[in-house]
């Protein structure tokens, strides 16, 4: 299982970013996918999850209404659209395959003016 996150960066409060997670090494369309994040000094926390077919999505209360998870099973890629970003969204963001313990290198999101 290989997970490669990208799309992070520095953005001002209220701005937007779109994260991508390219995957390989498993049958992507068979598995739910999730995004997690970890801020400095804090534990890794759940952000969002999407079902294998893309029809069901779940969000942490802190991001619901601002973030949207989606996937492209033809490209073996999962996305996280983040709008109205807040300083408290600053963290390293990781994607994860349901049922596997593998993590990618993550992509850093920094929200600051």
Protein backbone atom coordinates (compact mmCIF):
# COMPACT_ATOMS: atom_id res chain seq x y z
CA UNK A 1 0.00 0.00 0.00
CA UNK A 2 1.41 3.36 -1.05
CA UNK A 3 -0.22 6.68 -0.14
CA UNK A 4 1.13 9.99 -1.44
CA UNK A 5 -0.51 13.17 -0.15
CA UNK A 6 -0.09 16.54 -1.85
CA UNK A 7 -1.67 19.95 -2.16
CA UNK A 8 -0.85 21.48 1.20
CA UNK A 9 0.59 24.93 1.68
CA UNK A 10 0.31 28.27 3.41
CA UNK A 11 -3.06 30.00 3.13
CA UNK A 12 -4.71 32.96 4.81
CA UNK A 13 -7.74 32.49 7.06
CA UNK A 14 -10.85 32.15 4.93
CA UNK A 15 -8.88 30.66 2.06
CA UNK A 16 -9.15 27.28 0.36
CA UNK A 17 -6.96 24.33 -0.47
CA UNK A 18 -7.54 21.02 -2.23
CA UNK A 19 -5.57 18.05 -0.97
CA UNK A 20 -4.98 14.93 -3.04
CA UNK A 21 -3.94 11.43 -2.04
CA UNK A 22 -2.69 9.21 -4.83
CA UNK A 23 -2.73 5.53 -3.97
CA UNK A 24 -1.40 2.21 -5.26
CA UNK A 25 -0.84 -1.33 -4.11
CA UNK A 26 -4.45 -2.29 -3.41
CA UNK A 27 -7.84 -2.29 -5.12
CA UNK A 28 -8.80 1.30 -4.40
CA UNK A 29 -12.45 1.01 -5.37
CA UNK A 30 -13.03 -1.71 -2.74
CA UNK A 31 -12.12 0.39 0.28
CA UNK A 32 -13.39 3.33 2.27
CA UNK A 33 -10.86 6.13 2.50
CA UNK A 34 -10.29 8.69 5.26
CA UNK A 35 -8.40 11.87 5.97
CA UNK A 36 -6.78 12.50 9.34
CA UNK A 37 -4.74 15.41 10.65
CA UNK A 38 -2.20 16.00 13.38
CA UNK A 39 -1.35 19.39 14.80
CA UNK A 40 1.91 20.01 16.70
CA UNK A 41 1.67 18.60 20.21
CA UNK A 42 -1.68 16.97 19.57
CA UNK A 43 -2.86 13.48 18.72
CA UNK A 44 -3.84 12.53 15.20
CA UNK A 45 -7.56 13.10 14.68
CA UNK A 46 -10.22 12.01 12.22
CA UNK A 47 -11.30 14.57 9.63
CA UNK A 48 -13.46 12.83 7.01
CA UNK A 49 -14.30 9.47 5.49
CA UNK A 50 -15.83 8.36 2.20
CA UNK A 51 -17.32 5.00 1.32
CA UNK A 52 -15.80 2.83 -1.36
CA UNK A 53 -18.33 3.88 -3.99
CA UNK A 54 -18.35 7.49 -2.89
CA UNK A 55 -22.01 7.68 -1.95
CA UNK A 56 -21.54 8.08 1.81
CA UNK A 57 -19.42 10.65 3.57
CA UNK A 58 -18.73 11.41 7.22
CA UNK A 59 -17.09 14.44 8.81
CA UNK A 60 -15.72 15.58 12.12
CA UNK A 61 -17.90 18.24 13.67
CA UNK A 62 -15.06 20.73 13.45
CA UNK A 63 -14.93 20.60 9.63
CA UNK A 64 -18.50 19.75 8.62
CA UNK A 65 -19.85 22.34 6.20
CA UNK A 66 -16.36 23.58 5.28
CA UNK A 67 -14.57 20.47 4.01
CA UNK A 68 -15.66 18.04 1.30
CA UNK A 69 -14.16 14.59 0.74
CA UNK A 70 -14.43 13.00 -2.68
CA UNK A 71 -12.77 10.27 -4.71
CA UNK A 72 -12.03 9.26 -8.27
CA UNK A 73 -11.92 5.47 -8.46
CA UNK A 74 -10.59 5.61 -12.01
CA UNK A 75 -7.55 7.55 -10.76
CA UNK A 76 -7.15 5.74 -7.42
CA UNK A 77 -7.18 9.13 -5.75
CA UNK A 78 -9.04 10.67 -2.84
CA UNK A 79 -9.43 14.43 -2.37
CA UNK A 80 -10.18 16.85 0.43
CA UNK A 81 -11.55 20.25 -0.56
CA UNK A 82 -11.06 22.64 2.33
CA UNK A 83 -12.88 25.97 2.31
CA UNK A 84 -13.11 28.79 4.83
CA UNK A 85 -9.91 27.61 6.47
CA UNK A 86 -9.19 28.62 10.04
CA UNK A 87 -5.91 28.83 11.98
CA UNK A 88 -7.01 25.80 13.99
CA UNK A 89 -6.99 23.75 10.77
CA UNK A 90 -3.19 24.03 10.73
CA UNK A 91 -1.83 20.49 10.80
CA UNK A 92 -0.17 17.73 8.83
CA UNK A 93 -2.88 15.98 6.82
CA UNK A 94 -2.80 12.26 6.05
CA UNK A 95 -4.99 9.89 4.09
CA UNK A 96 -5.69 6.33 5.19
CA UNK A 97 -7.20 3.19 3.75
CA UNK A 98 -9.84 1.59 5.94
CA UNK A 99 -8.49 -1.62 7.44
CA UNK A 100 -4.82 -0.89 6.75
CA UNK A 101 -2.29 0.63 9.15
CA UNK A 102 -0.23 2.34 6.44
CA UNK A 103 0.28 6.10 6.45
CA UNK A 104 1.79 8.36 3.84
CA UNK A 105 4.24 11.17 4.47
CA UNK A 106 1.45 13.69 4.87
CA UNK A 107 1.03 17.20 3.48
CA UNK A 108 1.38 20.31 5.65
CA UNK A 109 -1.45 22.82 5.82
CA UNK A 110 -0.73 26.14 7.52
CA UNK A 111 -3.45 28.73 7.95
CA UNK A 112 -2.03 32.07 8.97
CA UNK A 113 -2.21 35.74 8.10
